[in-house]
Amino acid sequence: MGMGSGIVLFVIGAILSFALNLTVDWIDLVFVGYLLMGAGALIFLISLVLYFSRRQRRTAAGDPVDPYVE
């Protein structure tokens, strides 16, 4: 699961919370929407942290000039 799935979960949760005017007796869709938005935001933030921790820049220590070229 990456950034895209976090965004998708957040959007589905926002639709359930704010856009639907539907009442179901056995489940609270507004609460489920808030849960999905929270899970989507958490997945998005975790994937951002993992993405930027993987992109560590590495530099070579040494002389950049080739000693064999005159």
PDB file of N, CA and C in Angstrom:
ATOM      1  N   MET A   1       0.848  -1.168   0.000  1.00  0.00           N
ATOM      2  CA  MET A   1       0.000   0.000   0.000  1.00  0.00           C
ATOM      3  C   MET A   1       0.891   1.228   0.000  1.00  0.00           C
ATOM      4  N   GLY A   2       0.596   2.116  -0.879  1.00  0.00           N
ATOM      5  CA  GLY A   2       1.434   3.293  -0.980  1.00  0.00           C
ATOM      6  C   GLY A   2       0.642   4.571  -0.870  1.00  0.00           C
ATOM      7  N   MET A   3       1.222   5.593  -1.455  1.00  0.00           N
ATOM      8  CA  MET A   3       0.600   6.906  -1.383  1.00  0.00           C
ATOM      9  C   MET A   3      -0.760   6.926  -2.071  1.00  0.00           C
ATOM     10  N   GLY A   4      -0.858   6.247  -3.188  1.00  0.00           N
ATOM     11  CA  GLY A   4      -2.116   6.229  -3.930  1.00  0.00           C
ATOM     12  C   GLY A   4      -3.243   5.577  -3.160  1.00  0.00           C
ATOM     13  N   SER A   5      -2.965   4.488  -2.493  1.00  0.00           N
ATOM     14  CA  SER A   5      -4.017   3.819  -1.726  1.00  0.00           C
ATOM     15  C   SER A   5      -4.426   4.642  -0.512  1.00  0.00           C
ATOM     16  N   GLY A   6      -3.495   5.387   0.068  1.00  0.00           N
ATOM     17  CA  GLY A   6      -3.841   6.285   1.164  1.00  0.00           C
ATOM     18  C   GLY A   6      -4.771   7.394   0.708  1.00  0.00           C
ATOM     19  N   ILE A   7      -4.493   7.933  -0.475  1.00  0.00           N
ATOM     20  CA  ILE A   7      -5.355   8.979  -1.028  1.00  0.00           C
ATOM     21  C   ILE A   7      -6.729   8.424  -1.353  1.00  0.00           C
ATOM     22  N   VAL A   8      -6.782   7.214  -1.909  1.00  0.00           N
ATOM     23  CA  VAL A   8      -8.069   6.596  -2.252  1.00  0.00           C
ATOM     24  C   VAL A   8      -8.902   6.351  -0.997  1.00  0.00           C
ATOM     25  N   LEU A   9      -8.281   5.838   0.052  1.00  0.00           N
ATOM     26  CA  LEU A   9      -9.018   5.624   1.300  1.00  0.00           C
ATOM     27  C   LEU A   9      -9.528   6.938   1.887  1.00  0.00           C
ATOM     28  N   PHE A  10      -8.714   7.975   1.803  1.00  0.00           N
ATOM     29  CA  PHE A  10      -9.131   9.271   2.325  1.00  0.00           C
ATOM     30  C   PHE A  10     -10.328   9.814   1.542  1.00  0.00           C
ATOM     31  N   VAL A  11     -10.294   9.683   0.227  1.00  0.00           N
ATOM     32  CA  VAL A  11     -11.395  10.184  -0.611  1.00  0.00           C
ATOM     33  C   VAL A  11     -12.669   9.395  -0.365  1.00  0.00           C
ATOM     34  N   ILE A  12     -12.570   8.079  -0.264  1.00  0.00           N
ATOM     35  CA  ILE A  12     -13.762   7.269   0.014  1.00  0.00           C
ATOM     36  C   ILE A  12     -14.344   7.621   1.376  1.00  0.00           C
ATOM     37  N   GLY A  13     -13.483   7.841   2.354  1.00  0.00           N
ATOM     38  CA  GLY A  13     -13.951   8.244   3.675  1.00  0.00           C
ATOM     39  C   GLY A  13     -14.622   9.604   3.664  1.00  0.00           C
ATOM     40  N   ALA A  14     -14.079  10.540   2.879  1.00  0.00           N
ATOM     41  CA  ALA A  14     -14.700  11.857   2.782  1.00  0.00           C
ATOM     42  C   ALA A  14     -16.055  11.774   2.101  1.00  0.00           C
ATOM     43  N   ILE A  15     -16.170  10.929   1.109  1.00  0.00           N
ATOM     44  CA  ILE A  15     -17.466  10.752   0.446  1.00  0.00           C
ATOM     45  C   ILE A  15     -18.479  10.159   1.409  1.00  0.00           C
ATOM     46  N   LEU A  16     -18.061   9.157   2.172  1.00  0.00           N
ATOM     47  CA  LEU A  16     -18.980   8.554   3.137  1.00  0.00           C
ATOM     48  C   LEU A  16     -19.387   9.536   4.229  1.00  0.00           C
ATOM     49  N   SER A  17     -18.460  10.383   4.649  1.00  0.00           N
ATOM     50  CA  SER A  17     -18.740  11.292   5.758  1.00  0.00           C
ATOM     51  C   SER A  17     -19.546  12.509   5.341  1.00  0.00           C
ATOM     52  N   PHE A  18     -19.217  13.086   4.197  1.00  0.00           N
ATOM     53  CA  PHE A  18     -19.767  14.391   3.870  1.00  0.00           C
ATOM     54  C   PHE A  18     -20.755  14.385   2.705  1.00  0.00           C
ATOM     55  N   ALA A  19     -20.620  13.486   1.760  1.00  0.00           N
ATOM     56  CA  ALA A  19     -21.423  13.577   0.540  1.00  0.00           C
ATOM     57  C   ALA A  19     -22.681  12.719   0.579  1.00  0.00           C
ATOM     58  N   LEU A  20     -22.653  11.635   1.312  1.00  0.00           N
ATOM     59  CA  LEU A  20     -23.821  10.752   1.329  1.00  0.00           C
ATOM     60  C   LEU A  20     -24.804  11.180   2.410  1.00  0.00           C
ATOM     61  N   ASN A  21     -26.050  11.194   2.049  1.00  0.00           N
ATOM     62  CA  ASN A  21     -27.109  11.462   3.013  1.00  0.00           C
ATOM     63  C   ASN A  21     -27.957  10.186   3.118  1.00  0.00           C
ATOM     64  N   LEU A  22     -27.338   9.166   3.657  1.00  0.00           N
ATOM     65  CA  LEU A  22     -27.927   7.832   3.695  1.00  0.00           C
ATOM     66  C   LEU A  22     -27.897   7.330   5.130  1.00  0.00           C
ATOM     67  N   THR A  23     -28.985   6.721   5.556  1.00  0.00           N
ATOM     68  CA  THR A  23     -29.064   6.182   6.909  1.00  0.00           C
ATOM     69  C   THR A  23     -29.190   4.668   6.844  1.00  0.00           C
ATOM     70  N   VAL A  24     -28.289   4.012   7.533  1.00  0.00           N
ATOM     71  CA  VAL A  24     -28.312   2.552   7.635  1.00  0.00           C
ATOM     72  C   VAL A  24     -28.447   2.228   9.118  1.00  0.00           C
ATOM     73  N   ASP A  25     -29.353   1.306   9.449  1.00  0.00           N
ATOM     74  CA  ASP A  25     -29.628   1.009  10.857  1.00  0.00           C
ATOM     75  C   ASP A  25     -28.466   0.327  11.576  1.00  0.00           C
ATOM     76  N   TRP A  26     -27.753  -0.528  10.904  1.00  0.00           N
ATOM     77  CA  TRP A  26     -26.765  -1.366  11.582  1.00  0.00           C
ATOM     78  C   TRP A  26     -25.345  -0.804  11.556  1.00  0.00           C
ATOM     79  N   ILE A  27     -25.097   0.351  10.866  1.00  0.00           N
ATOM     80  CA  ILE A  27     -23.751   0.926  10.838  1.00  0.00           C
ATOM     81  C   ILE A  27     -23.858   2.447  10.685  1.00  0.00           C
ATOM     82  N   ASP A  28     -22.943   3.143  11.313  1.00  0.00           N
ATOM     83  CA  ASP A  28     -22.879   4.591  11.202  1.00  0.00           C
ATOM     84  C   ASP A  28     -21.876   4.944  10.102  1.00  0.00           C
ATOM     85  N   LEU A  29     -22.383   5.366   8.943  1.00  0.00           N
ATOM     86  CA  LEU A  29     -21.512   5.618   7.798  1.00  0.00           C
ATOM     87  C   LEU A  29     -20.619   6.837   8.001  1.00  0.00           C
ATOM     88  N   VAL A  30     -21.046   7.789   8.787  1.00  0.00           N
ATOM     89  CA  VAL A  30     -20.207   8.959   9.055  1.00  0.00           C
ATOM     90  C   VAL A  30     -18.969   8.539   9.854  1.00  0.00           C
ATOM     91  N   PHE A  31     -19.169   7.696  10.850  1.00  0.00           N
ATOM     92  CA  PHE A  31     -18.035   7.209  11.650  1.00  0.00           C
ATOM     93  C   PHE A  31     -17.093   6.353  10.813  1.00  0.00           C
ATOM     94  N   VAL A  32     -17.647   5.502   9.970  1.00  0.00           N
ATOM     95  CA  VAL A  32     -16.816   4.681   9.081  1.00  0.00           C
ATOM     96  C   VAL A  32     -16.024   5.576   8.129  1.00  0.00           C
ATOM     97  N   GLY A  33     -16.654   6.642   7.659  1.00  0.00           N
ATOM     98  CA  GLY A  33     -15.948   7.585   6.800  1.00  0.00           C
ATOM     99  C   GLY A  33     -14.792   8.254   7.502  1.00  0.00           C
ATOM    100  N   TYR A  34     -15.021   8.658   8.754  1.00  0.00           N
ATOM    101  CA  TYR A  34     -13.922   9.258   9.529  1.00  0.00           C
ATOM    102  C   TYR A  34     -12.795   8.251   9.773  1.00  0.00           C
ATOM    103  N   LEU A  35     -13.152   7.007  10.032  1.00  0.00           N
ATOM    104  CA  LEU A  35     -12.120   5.973  10.200  1.00  0.00           C
ATOM    105  C   LEU A  35     -11.306   5.782   8.930  1.00  0.00           C
ATOM    106  N   LEU A  36     -11.987   5.755   7.783  1.00  0.00           N
ATOM    107  CA  LEU A  36     -11.271   5.590   6.515  1.00  0.00           C
ATOM    108  C   LEU A  36     -10.390   6.801   6.213  1.00  0.00           C
ATOM    109  N   MET A  37     -10.867   7.994   6.537  1.00  0.00           N
ATOM    110  CA  MET A  37     -10.033   9.180   6.322  1.00  0.00           C
ATOM    111  C   MET A  37      -8.796   9.153   7.213  1.00  0.00           C
ATOM    112  N   GLY A  38      -8.955   8.720   8.456  1.00  0.00           N
ATOM    113  CA  GLY A  38      -7.804   8.608   9.346  1.00  0.00           C
ATOM    114  C   GLY A  38      -6.814   7.557   8.883  1.00  0.00           C
ATOM    115  N   ALA A  39      -7.338   6.411   8.455  1.00  0.00           N
ATOM    116  CA  ALA A  39      -6.451   5.354   7.964  1.00  0.00           C
ATOM    117  C   ALA A  39      -5.745   5.786   6.687  1.00  0.00           C
ATOM    118  N   GLY A  40      -6.450   6.479   5.808  1.00  0.00           N
ATOM    119  CA  GLY A  40      -5.832   6.962   4.573  1.00  0.00           C
ATOM    120  C   GLY A  40      -4.740   7.970   4.839  1.00  0.00           C
ATOM    121  N   ALA A  41      -4.985   8.886   5.771  1.00  0.00           N
ATOM    122  CA  ALA A  41      -3.963   9.872   6.114  1.00  0.00           C
ATOM    123  C   ALA A  41      -2.746   9.201   6.748  1.00  0.00           C
ATOM    124  N   LEU A  42      -2.979   8.224   7.600  1.00  0.00           N
ATOM    125  CA  LEU A  42      -1.876   7.508   8.245  1.00  0.00           C
ATOM    126  C   LEU A  42      -1.051   6.726   7.228  1.00  0.00           C
ATOM    127  N   ILE A  43      -1.714   6.036   6.313  1.00  0.00           N
ATOM    128  CA  ILE A  43      -0.994   5.288   5.276  1.00  0.00           C
ATOM    129  C   ILE A  43      -0.203   6.235   4.382  1.00  0.00           C
ATOM    130  N   PHE A  44      -0.796   7.376   4.042  1.00  0.00           N
ATOM    131  CA  PHE A  44      -0.101   8.350   3.211  1.00  0.00           C
ATOM    132  C   PHE A  44       1.148   8.883   3.908  1.00  0.00           C
ATOM    133  N   LEU A  45       1.043   9.222   5.187  1.00  0.00           N
ATOM    134  CA  LEU A  45       2.197   9.747   5.917  1.00  0.00           C
ATOM    135  C   LEU A  45       3.292   8.702   6.097  1.00  0.00           C
ATOM    136  N   ILE A  46       2.901   7.465   6.382  1.00  0.00           N
ATOM    137  CA  ILE A  46       3.903   6.401   6.532  1.00  0.00           C
ATOM    138  C   ILE A  46       4.617   6.148   5.212  1.00  0.00           C
ATOM    139  N   SER A  47       3.880   6.159   4.112  1.00  0.00           N
ATOM    140  CA  SER A  47       4.524   5.929   2.816  1.00  0.00           C
ATOM    141  C   SER A  47       5.436   7.091   2.437  1.00  0.00           C
ATOM    142  N   LEU A  48       5.079   8.326   2.832  1.00  0.00           N
ATOM    143  CA  LEU A  48       5.979   9.450   2.586  1.00  0.00           C
ATOM    144  C   LEU A  48       7.272   9.318   3.381  1.00  0.00           C
ATOM    145  N   VAL A  49       7.161   8.924   4.638  1.00  0.00           N
ATOM    146  CA  VAL A  49       8.359   8.747   5.464  1.00  0.00           C
ATOM    147  C   VAL A  49       9.245   7.651   4.889  1.00  0.00           C
ATOM    148  N   LEU A  50       8.656   6.548   4.480  1.00  0.00           N
ATOM    149  CA  LEU A  50       9.443   5.458   3.892  1.00  0.00           C
ATOM    150  C   LEU A  50      10.058   5.863   2.561  1.00  0.00           C
ATOM    151  N   TYR A  51       9.333   6.645   1.777  1.00  0.00           N
ATOM    152  CA  TYR A  51       9.855   7.082   0.480  1.00  0.00           C
ATOM    153  C   TYR A  51      11.076   7.979   0.660  1.00  0.00           C
ATOM    154  N   PHE A  52      10.987   8.930   1.577  1.00  0.00           N
ATOM    155  CA  PHE A  52      12.103   9.844   1.750  1.00  0.00           C
ATOM    156  C   PHE A  52      13.260   9.211   2.517  1.00  0.00           C
ATOM    157  N   SER A  53      13.016   8.183   3.300  1.00  0.00           N
ATOM    158  CA  SER A  53      14.130   7.514   3.960  1.00  0.00           C
ATOM    159  C   SER A  53      14.880   6.608   2.984  1.00  0.00           C
ATOM    160  N   ARG A  54      14.206   6.144   1.938  1.00  0.00           N
ATOM    161  CA  ARG A  54      14.866   5.337   0.913  1.00  0.00           C
ATOM    162  C   ARG A  54      15.720   6.169  -0.021  1.00  0.00           C
ATOM    163  N   ARG A  55      15.380   7.453  -0.172  1.00  0.00           N
ATOM    164  CA  ARG A  55      16.074   8.310  -1.122  1.00  0.00           C
ATOM    165  C   ARG A  55      17.259   9.015  -0.495  1.00  0.00           C
ATOM    166  N   GLN A  56      18.082   8.326   0.221  1.00  0.00           N
ATOM    167  CA  GLN A  56      19.250   8.945   0.823  1.00  0.00           C
ATOM    168  C   GLN A  56      20.300   9.158  -0.257  1.00  0.00           C
ATOM    169  N   ARG A  57      20.868  10.328  -0.228  1.00  0.00           N
ATOM    170  CA  ARG A  57      21.887  10.643  -1.224  1.00  0.00           C
ATOM    171  C   ARG A  57      23.239  10.165  -0.747  1.00  0.00           C
ATOM    172  N   ARG A  58      23.942   9.558  -1.641  1.00  0.00           N
ATOM    173  CA  ARG A  58      25.265   9.052  -1.295  1.00  0.00           C
ATOM    174  C   ARG A  58      26.286   9.702  -2.213  1.00  0.00           C
ATOM    175  N   THR A  59      27.338  10.194  -1.636  1.00  0.00           N
ATOM    176  CA  THR A  59      28.399  10.826  -2.413  1.00  0.00           C
ATOM    177  C   THR A  59      29.659   9.995  -2.264  1.00  0.00           C
ATOM    178  N   ALA A  60      30.435  10.006  -3.306  1.00  0.00           N
ATOM    179  CA  ALA A  60      31.693   9.267  -3.293  1.00  0.00           C
ATOM    180  C   ALA A  60      32.785  10.141  -2.679  1.00  0.00           C
ATOM    181  N   ALA A  61      33.506   9.577  -1.759  1.00  0.00           N
ATOM    182  CA  ALA A  61      34.615  10.300  -1.147  1.00  0.00           C
ATOM    183  C   ALA A  61      35.860  10.033  -1.961  1.00  0.00           C
ATOM    184  N   GLY A  62      36.477  11.064  -2.391  1.00  0.00           N
ATOM    185  CA  GLY A  62      37.696  10.892  -3.171  1.00  0.00           C
ATOM    186  C   GLY A  62      37.853  12.005  -4.185  1.00  0.00           C
ATOM    187  N   ASP A  63      38.905  11.916  -4.971  1.00  0.00           N
ATOM    188  CA  ASP A  63      39.203  12.924  -5.973  1.00  0.00           C
ATOM    189  C   ASP A  63      38.385  12.634  -7.230  1.00  0.00           C
ATOM    190  N   PRO A  64      37.616  13.599  -7.712  1.00  0.00           N
ATOM    191  CA  PRO A  64      36.799  13.340  -8.889  1.00  0.00           C
ATOM    192  C   PRO A  64      37.606  13.345 -10.182  1.00  0.00           C
ATOM    193  N   VAL A  65      38.870  13.731 -10.121  1.00  0.00           N
ATOM    194  CA  VAL A  65      39.690  13.801 -11.313  1.00  0.00           C
ATOM    195  C   VAL A  65      40.317  12.428 -11.565  1.00  0.00           C
ATOM    196  N   ASP A  66      40.263  11.977 -12.794  1.00  0.00           N
ATOM    197  CA  ASP A  66      40.841  10.690 -13.154  1.00  0.00           C
ATOM    198  C   ASP A  66      42.366  10.852 -13.234  1.00  0.00           C
ATOM    199  N   PRO A  67      43.137  10.084 -12.461  1.00  0.00           N
ATOM    200  CA  PRO A  67      44.597  10.258 -12.447  1.00  0.00           C
ATOM    201  C   PRO A  67      45.261   9.783 -13.737  1.00  0.00           C
ATOM    202  N   TYR A  68      44.572   8.998 -14.557  1.00  0.00           N
ATOM    203  CA  TYR A  68      45.192   8.451 -15.742  1.00  0.00           C
ATOM    204  C   TYR A  68      45.014   9.348 -16.968  1.00  0.00           C
ATOM    205  N   VAL A  69      44.202  10.384 -16.879  1.00  0.00           N
ATOM    206  CA  VAL A  69      43.991  11.272 -18.003  1.00  0.00           C
ATOM    207  C   VAL A  69      44.922  12.457 -17.859  1.00  0.00           C
ATOM    208  N   GLU A  70      45.622  12.797 -18.937  1.00  0.00           N
ATOM    209  CA  GLU A  70      46.563  13.911 -18.875  1.00  0.00           C
ATOM    210  C   GLU A  70      46.003  15.125 -19.532  1.00  0.00           C
TER     211      GLU A  70
END
